[in-house]
C-alpha cells in the first residue's frame, strides 16, 4: 500500500478573510436557518463545551438528555458554570422516549433549556428530535442540539423545528475536516449568552465570538485561523452542494437500509432499526462466542472501519460505519464481506 505524502499539506495558502462570511452563510443554508452562524476553530466537542460554558449561570435550569458519553459531558459543563441540571438518562445505548421527556418537564419547574444529541454515532441510535422540539416550542424552552453526527445524514431544519443552538462538525456525513466546527445561535439564545457577566477572553466564549467577529462585520476571524481546515471545509461544502443535500440525505438513508437488511442475512441482529436508528452507523449485537477484542484487532476489520460501540450498553456492539463517502453501496458491500469473513474466522 502506498504511503500518503504529508508534505503536500505544508505551506498552505492563506484562507482569505473575505471567505469566512460566505462559508457561514452556506452552513446556514445547509441548516435551513436565518440564525447567526459562527465558527469554533477546533473539533466539535470544543464547540459543545463552548455552548455549555457560555449558557451556564447559577440562574439557569436545564434538562440534559443523556444517551451517550457526550450528554454526560454536556451536563457536567453546565454544572461547572453553576447551572441546575436535571439529567434524563435513557436506557443504556438506547434513544430517549418522548414520554420520558414529558414526564420530566411536567415534574420540573422553570426549565430554561433542553439539550440533546440528535444522532449518536456511539451506538447508532437516533433521538426523536422533532417530537422533543415540538414540546420545547410549546413550553417556550430554549433547545440546544448536538447535530454533529446528524447534519447531512438526517434533515436538520433549524428554523422549522425551533432549534435555538445547533452544533455541527463537518467530519461526519459532510465528509469534511474534523478540526473546525460551527454553531448556529438564535436571537433568543444570544439573550442568554451575550450578557454583562458572560465568560470572555476564552476560546470557550461565544460572547467573544459575537463581539469580535459578528459585531465587527464578519471579516477576519480572531486568533490564527487554520487555513487547511477552512480550505477543506469549503471543498466539502462544494461537494455537498454539487451532489445536492437531498441526494446526500437519500444516499445515507438508502445505505443504512441496505446495511440493516444485509446484517440480517449474516445472521446478526441490528441493535436499532426504523426511526430509532441513525443513518450514519449501523450497530449489531455480536453473537455469543465472538469476543469484540479478538475481532476488532484484525487488520481488515480496522481498514473498513468496523469499530466497537462507545459508552454504557455498547460493550457487545459492533459499529458498521456508512457515514459520508462511506454511504455508498460498493463500499458497504466491501465492509460486509470483511465482516462475514471475520465472523467466520472467529467462529471457527
Foldseek 3Di string as FASTA:
>chain_A
DDDDDCCVVPPDDFDALVVQVVLQVLVCVLLQHPFGKFKQQFFLLLQLLLLLQLQAALVAEEEQEDAAVSSVVSQVSNVVRNYHYDYDYDDHNFEDDLVSVVVVVVVDPDHAEYEDEAADLLRQWGYPQQSVLVVCVVVVHAYEYECAQPRLQHRNNCVVSVHAKYKYACVWQLVFDRRMIMMGHHPVSCVSRQDPPGDDPDSSRVNNRCVVAVVVPNGHGPDRRDRVRVVRSVVSSVVCVVCDSVNSNVLLVVLQVVLQVVVVVLVWHWPDDDNGGTSFKTKTFDDPQFAQVVLCVDPLLVVLPWAFRHGPPGRRIIIRGCIHPSSDPVSSVSNVVSVSVSSVVSVD
